[in-house]
Amino acid sequence: MPKESFIQNRIRGIGYAFKGALLLIKTEASIKTQIFIALIVTAGGFYFDISKTEWILQILAIALVLGIEGLNTAIEKLADYIQPEYDPKIGFIKDISAGAVMLVSTAAIIIGLIIYLPKFF
């Protein structure tokens, strides 16, 4: 069997990434909520005609929240697979992972307030 080319390997990897993103969206309520919020603030960006810099910050904030939420979900699923029963060490790991989501979500909220509060006042 011939070795897979670099391009074929990258295409296969992108396919796995899309599959993972779709699984995340289909199975996780929190990501659905975050995508809904992202769509609202994106619409707000068009409505208020935000600057290029504001778009960059907004897109980075959205991507960071969604990406960290995906990592949090993967950590939780892996932890549940490794230890299905309650374990305080697993709980500690899950709490840290959830805390990371809270930190980036807080930063995203602050970025949103910096961008949009002046538009209202």
PDB file of N, CA and C in Angstrom:
ATOM      1  N   MET A   1       0.853  -1.178   0.000  1.00  0.00           N
ATOM      2  CA  MET A   1       0.000   0.000   0.000  1.00  0.00           C
ATOM      3  C   MET A   1       0.901   1.244   0.000  1.00  0.00           C
ATOM      4  N   PRO A   2       0.720   2.137  -1.000  1.00  0.00           N
ATOM      5  CA  PRO A   2       1.565   3.336  -1.064  1.00  0.00           C
ATOM      6  C   PRO A   2       1.240   4.294   0.080  1.00  0.00           C
ATOM      7  N   LYS A   3       2.264   5.023   0.467  1.00  0.00           N
ATOM      8  CA  LYS A   3       2.104   6.004   1.535  1.00  0.00           C
ATOM      9  C   LYS A   3       1.222   7.157   1.047  1.00  0.00           C
ATOM     10  N   GLU A   4       0.366   7.635   1.948  1.00  0.00           N
ATOM     11  CA  GLU A   4      -0.532   8.746   1.633  1.00  0.00           C
ATOM     12  C   GLU A   4       0.289  10.024   1.440  1.00  0.00           C
ATOM     13  N   SER A   5      -0.069  10.811   0.415  1.00  0.00           N
ATOM     14  CA  SER A   5       0.656  12.052   0.172  1.00  0.00           C
ATOM     15  C   SER A   5       0.338  13.083   1.257  1.00  0.00           C
ATOM     16  N   PHE A   6       1.185  14.088   1.335  1.00  0.00           N
ATOM     17  CA  PHE A   6       0.994  15.163   2.305  1.00  0.00           C
ATOM     18  C   PHE A   6      -0.364  15.824   2.110  1.00  0.00           C
ATOM     19  N   ILE A   7      -0.725  16.128   0.862  1.00  0.00           N
ATOM     20  CA  ILE A   7      -1.998  16.793   0.561  1.00  0.00           C
ATOM     21  C   ILE A   7      -3.170  15.902   0.973  1.00  0.00           C
ATOM     22  N   GLN A   8      -3.120  14.634   0.645  1.00  0.00           N
ATOM     23  CA  GLN A   8      -4.196  13.710   1.024  1.00  0.00           C
ATOM     24  C   GLN A   8      -4.325  13.649   2.547  1.00  0.00           C
ATOM     25  N   ASN A   9      -3.202  13.632   3.218  1.00  0.00           N
ATOM     26  CA  ASN A   9      -3.198  13.587   4.674  1.00  0.00           C
ATOM     27  C   ASN A   9      -3.832  14.852   5.263  1.00  0.00           C
ATOM     28  N   ARG A  10      -3.512  16.013   4.701  1.00  0.00           N
ATOM     29  CA  ARG A  10      -4.091  17.281   5.181  1.00  0.00           C
ATOM     30  C   ARG A  10      -5.589  17.319   4.914  1.00  0.00           C
ATOM     31  N   ILE A  11      -6.012  16.857   3.749  1.00  0.00           N
ATOM     32  CA  ILE A  11      -7.443  16.829   3.422  1.00  0.00           C
ATOM     33  C   ILE A  11      -8.188  15.912   4.388  1.00  0.00           C
ATOM     34  N   ARG A  12      -7.609  14.779   4.688  1.00  0.00           N
ATOM     35  CA  ARG A  12      -8.228  13.855   5.646  1.00  0.00           C
ATOM     36  C   ARG A  12      -8.318  14.518   7.028  1.00  0.00           C
ATOM     37  N   GLY A  13      -7.266  15.219   7.428  1.00  0.00           N
ATOM     38  CA  GLY A  13      -7.262  15.908   8.717  1.00  0.00           C
ATOM     39  C   GLY A  13      -8.332  16.984   8.805  1.00  0.00           C
ATOM     40  N   ILE A  14      -8.511  17.736   7.715  1.00  0.00           N
ATOM     41  CA  ILE A  14      -9.554  18.761   7.677  1.00  0.00           C
ATOM     42  C   ILE A  14     -10.929  18.111   7.802  1.00  0.00           C
ATOM     43  N   GLY A  15     -11.100  16.954   7.164  1.00  0.00           N
ATOM     44  CA  GLY A  15     -12.367  16.220   7.279  1.00  0.00           C
ATOM     45  C   GLY A  15     -12.657  15.833   8.718  1.00  0.00           C
ATOM     46  N   TYR A  16     -11.636  15.343   9.432  1.00  0.00           N
ATOM     47  CA  TYR A  16     -11.817  15.001  10.848  1.00  0.00           C
ATOM     48  C   TYR A  16     -12.159  16.235  11.674  1.00  0.00           C
ATOM     49  N   ALA A  17     -11.528  17.362  11.354  1.00  0.00           N
ATOM     50  CA  ALA A  17     -11.797  18.604  12.088  1.00  0.00           C
ATOM     51  C   ALA A  17     -13.245  19.049  11.879  1.00  0.00           C
ATOM     52  N   PHE A  18     -13.742  18.996  10.638  1.00  0.00           N
ATOM     53  CA  PHE A  18     -15.132  19.348  10.372  1.00  0.00           C
ATOM     54  C   PHE A  18     -16.086  18.403  11.098  1.00  0.00           C
ATOM     55  N   LYS A  19     -15.763  17.106  11.093  1.00  0.00           N
ATOM     56  CA  LYS A  19     -16.585  16.123  11.796  1.00  0.00           C
ATOM     57  C   LYS A  19     -16.642  16.467  13.285  1.00  0.00           C
ATOM     58  N   GLY A  20     -15.502  16.804  13.863  1.00  0.00           N
ATOM     59  CA  GLY A  20     -15.460  17.156  15.280  1.00  0.00           C
ATOM     60  C   GLY A  20     -16.260  18.413  15.584  1.00  0.00           C
ATOM     61  N   ALA A  21     -16.146  19.416  14.725  1.00  0.00           N
ATOM     62  CA  ALA A  21     -16.895  20.655  14.929  1.00  0.00           C
ATOM     63  C   ALA A  21     -18.399  20.390  14.857  1.00  0.00           C
ATOM     64  N   LEU A  22     -18.820  19.577  13.898  1.00  0.00           N
ATOM     65  CA  LEU A  22     -20.245  19.248  13.777  1.00  0.00           C
ATOM     66  C   LEU A  22     -20.738  18.446  14.979  1.00  0.00           C
ATOM     67  N   LEU A  23     -19.921  17.507  15.464  1.00  0.00           N
ATOM     68  CA  LEU A  23     -20.295  16.751  16.659  1.00  0.00           C
ATOM     69  C   LEU A  23     -20.445  17.678  17.858  1.00  0.00           C
ATOM     70  N   LEU A  24     -19.535  18.618  17.986  1.00  0.00           N
ATOM     71  CA  LEU A  24     -19.600  19.578  19.084  1.00  0.00           C
ATOM     72  C   LEU A  24     -20.893  20.384  19.013  1.00  0.00           C
ATOM     73  N   ILE A  25     -21.217  20.882  17.827  1.00  0.00           N
ATOM     74  CA  ILE A  25     -22.427  21.693  17.658  1.00  0.00           C
ATOM     75  C   ILE A  25     -23.690  20.858  17.891  1.00  0.00           C
ATOM     76  N   LYS A  26     -23.705  19.615  17.415  1.00  0.00           N
ATOM     77  CA  LYS A  26     -24.888  18.765  17.540  1.00  0.00           C
ATOM     78  C   LYS A  26     -25.135  18.309  18.971  1.00  0.00           C
ATOM     79  N   THR A  27     -24.062  18.099  19.745  1.00  0.00           N
ATOM     80  CA  THR A  27     -24.217  17.422  21.027  1.00  0.00           C
ATOM     81  C   THR A  27     -24.114  18.317  22.255  1.00  0.00           C
ATOM     82  N   GLU A  28     -23.613  19.523  22.115  1.00  0.00           N
ATOM     83  CA  GLU A  28     -23.365  20.354  23.297  1.00  0.00           C
ATOM     84  C   GLU A  28     -24.254  21.594  23.322  1.00  0.00           C
ATOM     85  N   ALA A  29     -25.105  21.683  24.341  1.00  0.00           N
ATOM     86  CA  ALA A  29     -26.023  22.818  24.477  1.00  0.00           C
ATOM     87  C   ALA A  29     -25.260  24.126  24.674  1.00  0.00           C
ATOM     88  N   SER A  30     -24.171  24.074  25.419  1.00  0.00           N
ATOM     89  CA  SER A  30     -23.440  25.321  25.703  1.00  0.00           C
ATOM     90  C   SER A  30     -22.852  25.917  24.426  1.00  0.00           C
ATOM     91  N   ILE A  31     -22.387  25.083  23.517  1.00  0.00           N
ATOM     92  CA  ILE A  31     -21.807  25.609  22.273  1.00  0.00           C
ATOM     93  C   ILE A  31     -22.915  26.202  21.401  1.00  0.00           C
ATOM     94  N   LYS A  32     -24.100  25.608  21.443  1.00  0.00           N
ATOM     95  CA  LYS A  32     -25.225  26.163  20.690  1.00  0.00           C
ATOM     96  C   LYS A  32     -25.564  27.562  21.201  1.00  0.00           C
ATOM     97  N   THR A  33     -25.569  27.724  22.508  1.00  0.00           N
ATOM     98  CA  THR A  33     -25.832  29.043  23.105  1.00  0.00           C
ATOM     99  C   THR A  33     -24.754  30.029  22.691  1.00  0.00           C
ATOM    100  N   GLN A  34     -23.507  29.610  22.735  1.00  0.00           N
ATOM    101  CA  GLN A  34     -22.403  30.503  22.387  1.00  0.00           C
ATOM    102  C   GLN A  34     -22.425  30.870  20.903  1.00  0.00           C
ATOM    103  N   ILE A  35     -22.805  29.947  20.052  1.00  0.00           N
ATOM    104  CA  ILE A  35     -22.929  30.255  18.623  1.00  0.00           C
ATOM    105  C   ILE A  35     -24.070  31.250  18.401  1.00  0.00           C
ATOM    106  N   PHE A  36     -25.171  31.074  19.125  1.00  0.00           N
ATOM    107  CA  PHE A  36     -26.291  32.017  19.021  1.00  0.00           C
ATOM    108  C   PHE A  36     -25.836  33.426  19.412  1.00  0.00           C
ATOM    109  N   ILE A  37     -25.124  33.530  20.530  1.00  0.00           N
ATOM    110  CA  ILE A  37     -24.603  34.830  20.966  1.00  0.00           C
ATOM    111  C   ILE A  37     -23.634  35.385  19.923  1.00  0.00           C
ATOM    112  N   ALA A  38     -22.779  34.526  19.366  1.00  0.00           N
ATOM    113  CA  ALA A  38     -21.830  34.970  18.336  1.00  0.00           C
ATOM    114  C   ALA A  38     -22.559  35.524  17.122  1.00  0.00           C
ATOM    115  N   LEU A  39     -23.655  34.893  16.723  1.00  0.00           N
ATOM    116  CA  LEU A  39     -24.433  35.391  15.587  1.00  0.00           C
ATOM    117  C   LEU A  39     -25.065  36.748  15.891  1.00  0.00           C
ATOM    118  N   ILE A  40     -25.536  36.911  17.125  1.00  0.00           N
ATOM    119  CA  ILE A  40     -26.138  38.199  17.511  1.00  0.00           C
ATOM    120  C   ILE A  40     -25.091  39.304  17.477  1.00  0.00           C
ATOM    121  N   VAL A  41     -23.916  39.066  18.067  1.00  0.00           N
ATOM    122  CA  VAL A  41     -22.908  40.133  18.075  1.00  0.00           C
ATOM    123  C   VAL A  41     -22.341  40.372  16.678  1.00  0.00           C
ATOM    124  N   THR A  42     -22.315  39.340  15.859  1.00  0.00           N
ATOM    125  CA  THR A  42     -21.885  39.533  14.470  1.00  0.00           C
ATOM    126  C   THR A  42     -22.890  40.422  13.728  1.00  0.00           C
ATOM    127  N   ALA A  43     -24.166  40.149  13.921  1.00  0.00           N
ATOM    128  CA  ALA A  43     -25.192  41.016  13.327  1.00  0.00           C
ATOM    129  C   ALA A  43     -25.052  42.440  13.866  1.00  0.00           C
ATOM    130  N   GLY A  44     -24.764  42.559  15.162  1.00  0.00           N
ATOM    131  CA  GLY A  44     -24.535  43.872  15.753  1.00  0.00           C
ATOM    132  C   GLY A  44     -23.349  44.581  15.119  1.00  0.00           C
ATOM    133  N   GLY A  45     -22.327  43.825  14.781  1.00  0.00           N
ATOM    134  CA  GLY A  45     -21.165  44.411  14.118  1.00  0.00           C
ATOM    135  C   GLY A  45     -21.525  45.018  12.778  1.00  0.00           C
ATOM    136  N   PHE A  46     -22.371  44.323  12.021  1.00  0.00           N
ATOM    137  CA  PHE A  46     -22.813  44.872  10.736  1.00  0.00           C
ATOM    138  C   PHE A  46     -23.730  46.076  10.944  1.00  0.00           C
ATOM    139  N   TYR A  47     -24.632  45.955  11.905  1.00  0.00           N
ATOM    140  CA  TYR A  47     -25.585  47.037  12.156  1.00  0.00           C
ATOM    141  C   TYR A  47     -24.866  48.316  12.564  1.00  0.00           C
ATOM    142  N   PHE A  48     -23.906  48.203  13.473  1.00  0.00           N
ATOM    143  CA  PHE A  48     -23.198  49.383  13.977  1.00  0.00           C
ATOM    144  C   PHE A  48     -21.970  49.740  13.149  1.00  0.00           C
ATOM    145  N   ASP A  49     -21.720  48.973  12.100  1.00  0.00           N
ATOM    146  CA  ASP A  49     -20.589  49.238  11.205  1.00  0.00           C
ATOM    147  C   ASP A  49     -19.287  49.414  12.002  1.00  0.00           C
ATOM    148  N   ILE A  50     -18.949  48.385  12.781  1.00  0.00           N
ATOM    149  CA  ILE A  50     -17.761  48.469  13.622  1.00  0.00           C
ATOM    150  C   ILE A  50     -16.492  48.504  12.770  1.00  0.00           C
ATOM    151  N   SER A  51     -15.428  49.015  13.342  1.00  0.00           N
ATOM    152  CA  SER A  51     -14.173  49.188  12.612  1.00  0.00           C
ATOM    153  C   SER A  51     -13.490  47.843  12.360  1.00  0.00           C
ATOM    154  N   LYS A  52     -12.482  47.842  11.502  1.00  0.00           N
ATOM    155  CA  LYS A  52     -11.723  46.620  11.226  1.00  0.00           C
ATOM    156  C   LYS A  52     -11.075  46.079  12.488  1.00  0.00           C
ATOM    157  N   THR A  53     -10.545  46.968  13.293  1.00  0.00           N
ATOM    158  CA  THR A  53      -9.916  46.539  14.551  1.00  0.00           C
ATOM    159  C   THR A  53     -10.949  45.899  15.474  1.00  0.00           C
ATOM    160  N   GLU A  54     -12.140  46.502  15.551  1.00  0.00           N
ATOM    161  CA  GLU A  54     -13.201  45.923  16.377  1.00  0.00           C
ATOM    162  C   GLU A  54     -13.637  44.562  15.841  1.00  0.00           C
ATOM    163  N   TRP A  55     -13.700  44.427  14.513  1.00  0.00           N
ATOM    164  CA  TRP A  55     -14.020  43.121  13.925  1.00  0.00           C
ATOM    165  C   TRP A  55     -12.979  42.084  14.308  1.00  0.00           C
ATOM    166  N   ILE A  56     -11.715  42.467  14.223  1.00  0.00           N
ATOM    167  CA  ILE A  56     -10.637  41.525  14.564  1.00  0.00           C
ATOM    168  C   ILE A  56     -10.776  41.072  16.011  1.00  0.00           C
ATOM    169  N   LEU A  57     -10.972  42.023  16.909  1.00  0.00           N
ATOM    170  CA  LEU A  57     -11.113  41.677  18.325  1.00  0.00           C
ATOM    171  C   LEU A  57     -12.345  40.812  18.569  1.00  0.00           C
ATOM    172  N   GLN A  58     -13.442  41.157  17.905  1.00  0.00           N
ATOM    173  CA  GLN A  58     -14.670  40.392  18.084  1.00  0.00           C
ATOM    174  C   GLN A  58     -14.498  38.968  17.565  1.00  0.00           C
ATOM    175  N   ILE A  59     -13.929  38.813  16.386  1.00  0.00           N
ATOM    176  CA  ILE A  59     -13.732  37.474  15.811  1.00  0.00           C
ATOM    177  C   ILE A  59     -12.781  36.650  16.673  1.00  0.00           C
ATOM    178  N   LEU A  60     -11.709  37.271  17.157  1.00  0.00           N
ATOM    179  CA  LEU A  60     -10.778  36.550  18.034  1.00  0.00           C
ATOM    180  C   LEU A  60     -11.466  36.120  19.328  1.00  0.00           C
ATOM    181  N   ALA A  61     -12.282  36.997  19.895  1.00  0.00           N
ATOM    182  CA  ALA A  61     -12.989  36.661  21.126  1.00  0.00           C
ATOM    183  C   ALA A  61     -13.957  35.497  20.898  1.00  0.00           C
ATOM    184  N   ILE A  62     -14.705  35.548  19.812  1.00  0.00           N
ATOM    185  CA  ILE A  62     -15.646  34.467  19.492  1.00  0.00           C
ATOM    186  C   ILE A  62     -14.894  33.158  19.284  1.00  0.00           C
ATOM    187  N   ALA A  63     -13.841  33.206  18.492  1.00  0.00           N
ATOM    188  CA  ALA A  63     -13.065  31.994  18.204  1.00  0.00           C
ATOM    189  C   ALA A  63     -12.450  31.417  19.468  1.00  0.00           C
ATOM    190  N   LEU A  64     -11.953  32.279  20.329  1.00  0.00           N
ATOM    191  CA  LEU A  64     -11.342  31.814  21.563  1.00  0.00           C
ATOM    192  C   LEU A  64     -12.368  31.126  22.463  1.00  0.00           C
ATOM    193  N   VAL A  65     -13.532  31.732  22.615  1.00  0.00           N
ATOM    194  CA  VAL A  65     -14.576  31.117  23.449  1.00  0.00           C
ATOM    195  C   VAL A  65     -14.999  29.771  22.875  1.00  0.00           C
ATOM    196  N   LEU A  66     -15.268  29.726  21.567  1.00  0.00           N
ATOM    197  CA  LEU A  66     -15.709  28.465  20.960  1.00  0.00           C
ATOM    198  C   LEU A  66     -14.613  27.401  21.016  1.00  0.00           C
ATOM    199  N   GLY A  67     -13.380  27.810  20.762  1.00  0.00           N
ATOM    200  CA  GLY A  67     -12.270  26.858  20.804  1.00  0.00           C
ATOM    201  C   GLY A  67     -12.031  26.300  22.195  1.00  0.00           C
ATOM    202  N   ILE A  68     -12.026  27.159  23.200  1.00  0.00           N
ATOM    203  CA  ILE A  68     -11.808  26.697  24.570  1.00  0.00           C
ATOM    204  C   ILE A  68     -12.992  25.850  25.043  1.00  0.00           C
ATOM    205  N   GLU A  69     -14.198  26.201  24.605  1.00  0.00           N
ATOM    206  CA  GLU A  69     -15.368  25.378  24.939  1.00  0.00           C
ATOM    207  C   GLU A  69     -15.224  23.988  24.324  1.00  0.00           C
ATOM    208  N   GLY A  70     -14.710  23.921  23.107  1.00  0.00           N
ATOM    209  CA  GLY A  70     -14.461  22.618  22.487  1.00  0.00           C
ATOM    210  C   GLY A  70     -13.436  21.801  23.265  1.00  0.00           C
ATOM    211  N   LEU A  71     -12.359  22.449  23.683  1.00  0.00           N
ATOM    212  CA  LEU A  71     -11.354  21.753  24.494  1.00  0.00           C
ATOM    213  C   LEU A  71     -11.938  21.305  25.834  1.00  0.00           C
ATOM    214  N   ASN A  72     -12.751  22.164  26.445  1.00  0.00           N
ATOM    215  CA  ASN A  72     -13.400  21.805  27.702  1.00  0.00           C
ATOM    216  C   ASN A  72     -14.269  20.565  27.525  1.00  0.00           C
ATOM    217  N   THR A  73     -15.033  20.538  26.450  1.00  0.00           N
ATOM    218  CA  THR A  73     -15.892  19.386  26.184  1.00  0.00           C
ATOM    219  C   THR A  73     -15.058  18.120  25.984  1.00  0.00           C
ATOM    220  N   ALA A  74     -13.967  18.234  25.227  1.00  0.00           N
ATOM    221  CA  ALA A  74     -13.104  17.068  25.000  1.00  0.00           C
ATOM    222  C   ALA A  74     -12.505  16.574  26.312  1.00  0.00           C
ATOM    223  N   ILE A  75     -12.062  17.483  27.159  1.00  0.00           N
ATOM    224  CA  ILE A  75     -11.491  17.095  28.456  1.00  0.00           C
ATOM    225  C   ILE A  75     -12.546  16.404  29.314  1.00  0.00           C
ATOM    226  N   GLU A  76     -13.758  16.952  29.341  1.00  0.00           N
ATOM    227  CA  GLU A  76     -14.831  16.341  30.125  1.00  0.00           C
ATOM    228  C   GLU A  76     -15.181  14.952  29.619  1.00  0.00           C
ATOM    229  N   LYS A  77     -15.295  14.797  28.294  1.00  0.00           N
ATOM    230  CA  LYS A  77     -15.628  13.486  27.720  1.00  0.00           C
ATOM    231  C   LYS A  77     -14.520  12.471  28.001  1.00  0.00           C
ATOM    232  N   LEU A  78     -13.273  12.897  27.859  1.00  0.00           N
ATOM    233  CA  LEU A  78     -12.143  12.009  28.137  1.00  0.00           C
ATOM    234  C   LEU A  78     -12.119  11.613  29.611  1.00  0.00           C
ATOM    235  N   ALA A  79     -12.343  12.585  30.489  1.00  0.00           N
ATOM    236  CA  ALA A  79     -12.355  12.305  31.923  1.00  0.00           C
ATOM    237  C   ALA A  79     -13.481  11.324  32.277  1.00  0.00           C
ATOM    238  N   ASP A  80     -14.661  11.512  31.692  1.00  0.00           N
ATOM    239  CA  ASP A  80     -15.784  10.607  31.947  1.00  0.00           C
ATOM    240  C   ASP A  80     -15.498   9.204  31.419  1.00  0.00           C
ATOM    241  N   TYR A  81     -14.772   9.116  30.310  1.00  0.00           N
ATOM    242  CA  TYR A  81     -14.414   7.814  29.742  1.00  0.00           C
ATOM    243  C   TYR A  81     -13.403   7.096  30.638  1.00  0.00           C
ATOM    244  N   ILE A  82     -12.430   7.839  31.112  1.00  0.00           N
ATOM    245  CA  ILE A  82     -11.382   7.254  31.953  1.00  0.00           C
ATOM    246  C   ILE A  82     -11.935   6.846  33.318  1.00  0.00           C
ATOM    247  N   GLN A  83     -12.791   7.711  33.882  1.00  0.00           N
ATOM    248  CA  GLN A  83     -13.327   7.452  35.223  1.00  0.00           C
ATOM    249  C   GLN A  83     -14.816   7.801  35.236  1.00  0.00           C
ATOM    250  N   PRO A  84     -15.680   6.806  34.918  1.00  0.00           N
ATOM    251  CA  PRO A  84     -17.124   7.078  34.876  1.00  0.00           C
ATOM    252  C   PRO A  84     -17.718   7.390  36.259  1.00  0.00           C
ATOM    253  N   GLU A  85     -17.116   6.882  37.311  1.00  0.00           N
ATOM    254  CA  GLU A  85     -17.599   7.135  38.665  1.00  0.00           C
ATOM    255  C   GLU A  85     -17.043   8.460  39.166  1.00  0.00           C
ATOM    256  N   TYR A  86     -17.697   9.008  40.196  1.00  0.00           N
ATOM    257  CA  TYR A  86     -17.213  10.261  40.762  1.00  0.00           C
ATOM    258  C   TYR A  86     -15.804  10.059  41.319  1.00  0.00           C
ATOM    259  N   ASP A  87     -14.942  10.993  41.009  1.00  0.00           N
ATOM    260  CA  ASP A  87     -13.566  10.988  41.503  1.00  0.00           C
ATOM    261  C   ASP A  87     -13.172  12.442  41.744  1.00  0.00           C
ATOM    262  N   PRO A  88     -12.750  12.799  42.944  1.00  0.00           N
ATOM    263  CA  PRO A  88     -12.411  14.201  43.212  1.00  0.00           C
ATOM    264  C   PRO A  88     -11.281  14.726  42.334  1.00  0.00           C
ATOM    265  N   LYS A  89     -10.359  13.878  41.932  1.00  0.00           N
ATOM    266  CA  LYS A  89      -9.264  14.328  41.058  1.00  0.00           C
ATOM    267  C   LYS A  89      -9.802  14.666  39.667  1.00  0.00           C
ATOM    268  N   ILE A  90     -10.715  13.850  39.177  1.00  0.00           N
ATOM    269  CA  ILE A  90     -11.347  14.131  37.883  1.00  0.00           C
ATOM    270  C   ILE A  90     -12.191  15.399  38.000  1.00  0.00           C
ATOM    271  N   GLY A  91     -12.907  15.546  39.107  1.00  0.00           N
ATOM    272  CA  GLY A  91     -13.696  16.753  39.334  1.00  0.00           C
ATOM    273  C   GLY A  91     -12.820  18.003  39.323  1.00  0.00           C
ATOM    274  N   PHE A  92     -11.641  17.905  39.917  1.00  0.00           N
ATOM    275  CA  PHE A  92     -10.687  19.024  39.932  1.00  0.00           C
ATOM    276  C   PHE A  92     -10.278  19.396  38.513  1.00  0.00           C
ATOM    277  N   ILE A  93      -9.971  18.391  37.703  1.00  0.00           N
ATOM    278  CA  ILE A  93      -9.577  18.624  36.307  1.00  0.00           C
ATOM    279  C   ILE A  93     -10.724  19.279  35.532  1.00  0.00           C
ATOM    280  N   LYS A  94     -11.931  18.765  35.720  1.00  0.00           N
ATOM    281  CA  LYS A  94     -13.092  19.335  35.025  1.00  0.00           C
ATOM    282  C   LYS A  94     -13.361  20.772  35.469  1.00  0.00           C
ATOM    283  N   ASP A  95     -13.186  21.038  36.752  1.00  0.00           N
ATOM    284  CA  ASP A  95     -13.402  22.401  37.248  1.00  0.00           C
ATOM    285  C   ASP A  95     -12.398  23.378  36.642  1.00  0.00           C
ATOM    286  N   ILE A  96     -11.152  22.963  36.533  1.00  0.00           N
ATOM    287  CA  ILE A  96     -10.133  23.820  35.918  1.00  0.00           C
ATOM    288  C   ILE A  96     -10.487  24.090  34.454  1.00  0.00           C
ATOM    289  N   SER A  97     -10.909  23.055  33.754  1.00  0.00           N
ATOM    290  CA  SER A  97     -11.288  23.196  32.350  1.00  0.00           C
ATOM    291  C   SER A  97     -12.477  24.152  32.197  1.00  0.00           C
ATOM    292  N   ALA A  98     -13.478  24.003  33.060  1.00  0.00           N
ATOM    293  CA  ALA A  98     -14.633  24.904  33.020  1.00  0.00           C
ATOM    294  C   ALA A  98     -14.212  26.324  33.396  1.00  0.00           C
ATOM    295  N   GLY A  99     -13.274  26.443  34.313  1.00  0.00           N
ATOM    296  CA  GLY A  99     -12.771  27.756  34.691  1.00  0.00           C
ATOM    297  C   GLY A  99     -12.106  28.468  33.532  1.00  0.00           C
ATOM    298  N   ALA A 100     -11.406  27.714  32.682  1.00  0.00           N
ATOM    299  CA  ALA A 100     -10.775  28.312  31.497  1.00  0.00           C
ATOM    300  C   ALA A 100     -11.833  28.894  30.570  1.00  0.00           C
ATOM    301  N   VAL A 101     -12.942  28.188  30.416  1.00  0.00           N
ATOM    302  CA  VAL A 101     -14.043  28.700  29.587  1.00  0.00           C
ATOM    303  C   VAL A 101     -14.593  29.984  30.197  1.00  0.00           C
ATOM    304  N   MET A 102     -14.747  29.995  31.521  1.00  0.00           N
ATOM    305  CA  MET A 102     -15.262  31.189  32.183  1.00  0.00           C
ATOM    306  C   MET A 102     -14.322  32.383  31.985  1.00  0.00           C
ATOM    307  N   LEU A 103     -13.020  32.152  32.074  1.00  0.00           N
ATOM    308  CA  LEU A 103     -12.060  33.244  31.914  1.00  0.00           C
ATOM    309  C   LEU A 103     -12.133  33.859  30.516  1.00  0.00           C
ATOM    310  N   VAL A 104     -12.130  33.011  29.476  1.00  0.00           N
ATOM    311  CA  VAL A 104     -12.180  33.572  28.121  1.00  0.00           C
ATOM    312  C   VAL A 104     -13.550  34.175  27.823  1.00  0.00           C
ATOM    313  N   SER A 105     -14.597  33.608  28.404  1.00  0.00           N
ATOM    314  CA  SER A 105     -15.938  34.180  28.212  1.00  0.00           C
ATOM    315  C   SER A 105     -16.028  35.555  28.858  1.00  0.00           C
ATOM    316  N   THR A 106     -15.442  35.711  30.032  1.00  0.00           N
ATOM    317  CA  THR A 106     -15.416  37.005  30.696  1.00  0.00           C
ATOM    318  C   THR A 106     -14.654  38.024  29.857  1.00  0.00           C
ATOM    319  N   ALA A 107     -13.515  37.618  29.327  1.00  0.00           N
ATOM    320  CA  ALA A 107     -12.741  38.523  28.465  1.00  0.00           C
ATOM    321  C   ALA A 107     -13.553  38.896  27.226  1.00  0.00           C
ATOM    322  N   ALA A 108     -14.276  37.932  26.649  1.00  0.00           N
ATOM    323  CA  ALA A 108     -15.096  38.212  25.464  1.00  0.00           C
ATOM    324  C   ALA A 108     -16.217  39.196  25.796  1.00  0.00           C
ATOM    325  N   ILE A 109     -16.816  39.045  26.962  1.00  0.00           N
ATOM    326  CA  ILE A 109     -17.866  39.979  27.381  1.00  0.00           C
ATOM    327  C   ILE A 109     -17.286  41.381  27.522  1.00  0.00           C
ATOM    328  N   ILE A 110     -16.116  41.491  28.114  1.00  0.00           N
ATOM    329  CA  ILE A 110     -15.478  42.801  28.284  1.00  0.00           C
ATOM    330  C   ILE A 110     -15.174  43.422  26.922  1.00  0.00           C
ATOM    331  N   ILE A 111     -14.663  42.610  25.994  1.00  0.00           N
ATOM    332  CA  ILE A 111     -14.398  43.113  24.638  1.00  0.00           C
ATOM    333  C   ILE A 111     -15.697  43.599  24.001  1.00  0.00           C
ATOM    334  N   GLY A 112     -16.759  42.820  24.149  1.00  0.00           N
ATOM    335  CA  GLY A 112     -18.056  43.227  23.603  1.00  0.00           C
ATOM    336  C   GLY A 112     -18.552  44.527  24.206  1.00  0.00           C
ATOM    337  N   LEU A 113     -18.375  44.681  25.507  1.00  0.00           N
ATOM    338  CA  LEU A 113     -18.799  45.927  26.154  1.00  0.00           C
ATOM    339  C   LEU A 113     -17.973  47.112  25.671  1.00  0.00           C
ATOM    340  N   ILE A 114     -16.676  46.911  25.514  1.00  0.00           N
ATOM    341  CA  ILE A 114     -15.824  47.988  25.014  1.00  0.00           C
ATOM    342  C   ILE A 114     -16.242  48.409  23.605  1.00  0.00           C
ATOM    343  N   ILE A 115     -16.603  47.427  22.792  1.00  0.00           N
ATOM    344  CA  ILE A 115     -17.006  47.735  21.406  1.00  0.00           C
ATOM    345  C   ILE A 115     -18.400  48.370  21.362  1.00  0.00           C
ATOM    346  N   TYR A 116     -19.365  47.795  22.090  1.00  0.00           N
ATOM    347  CA  TYR A 116     -20.765  48.163  21.863  1.00  0.00           C
ATOM    348  C   TYR A 116     -21.345  49.203  22.826  1.00  0.00           C
ATOM    349  N   LEU A 117     -20.845  49.310  24.041  1.00  0.00           N
ATOM    350  CA  LEU A 117     -21.408  50.326  24.941  1.00  0.00           C
ATOM    351  C   LEU A 117     -21.331  51.742  24.349  1.00  0.00           C
ATOM    352  N   PRO A 118     -20.200  52.138  23.753  1.00  0.00           N
ATOM    353  CA  PRO A 118     -20.177  53.483  23.167  1.00  0.00           C
ATOM    354  C   PRO A 118     -21.175  53.679  22.028  1.00  0.00           C
ATOM    355  N   LYS A 119     -21.571  52.609  21.387  1.00  0.00           N
ATOM    356  CA  LYS A 119     -22.555  52.720  20.294  1.00  0.00           C
ATOM    357  C   LYS A 119     -23.936  53.061  20.822  1.00  0.00           C
ATOM    358  N   PHE A 120     -24.214  52.683  22.073  1.00  0.00           N
ATOM    359  CA  PHE A 120     -25.519  52.945  22.667  1.00  0.00           C
ATOM    360  C   PHE A 120     -25.577  54.257  23.427  1.00  0.00           C
ATOM    361  N   PHE A 121     -24.415  54.742  23.883  1.00  0.00           N
ATOM    362  CA  PHE A 121     -24.411  55.961  24.720  1.00  0.00           C
ATOM    363  C   PHE A 121     -23.619  57.072  24.072  1.00  0.00           C
TER     364      PHE A 121
END
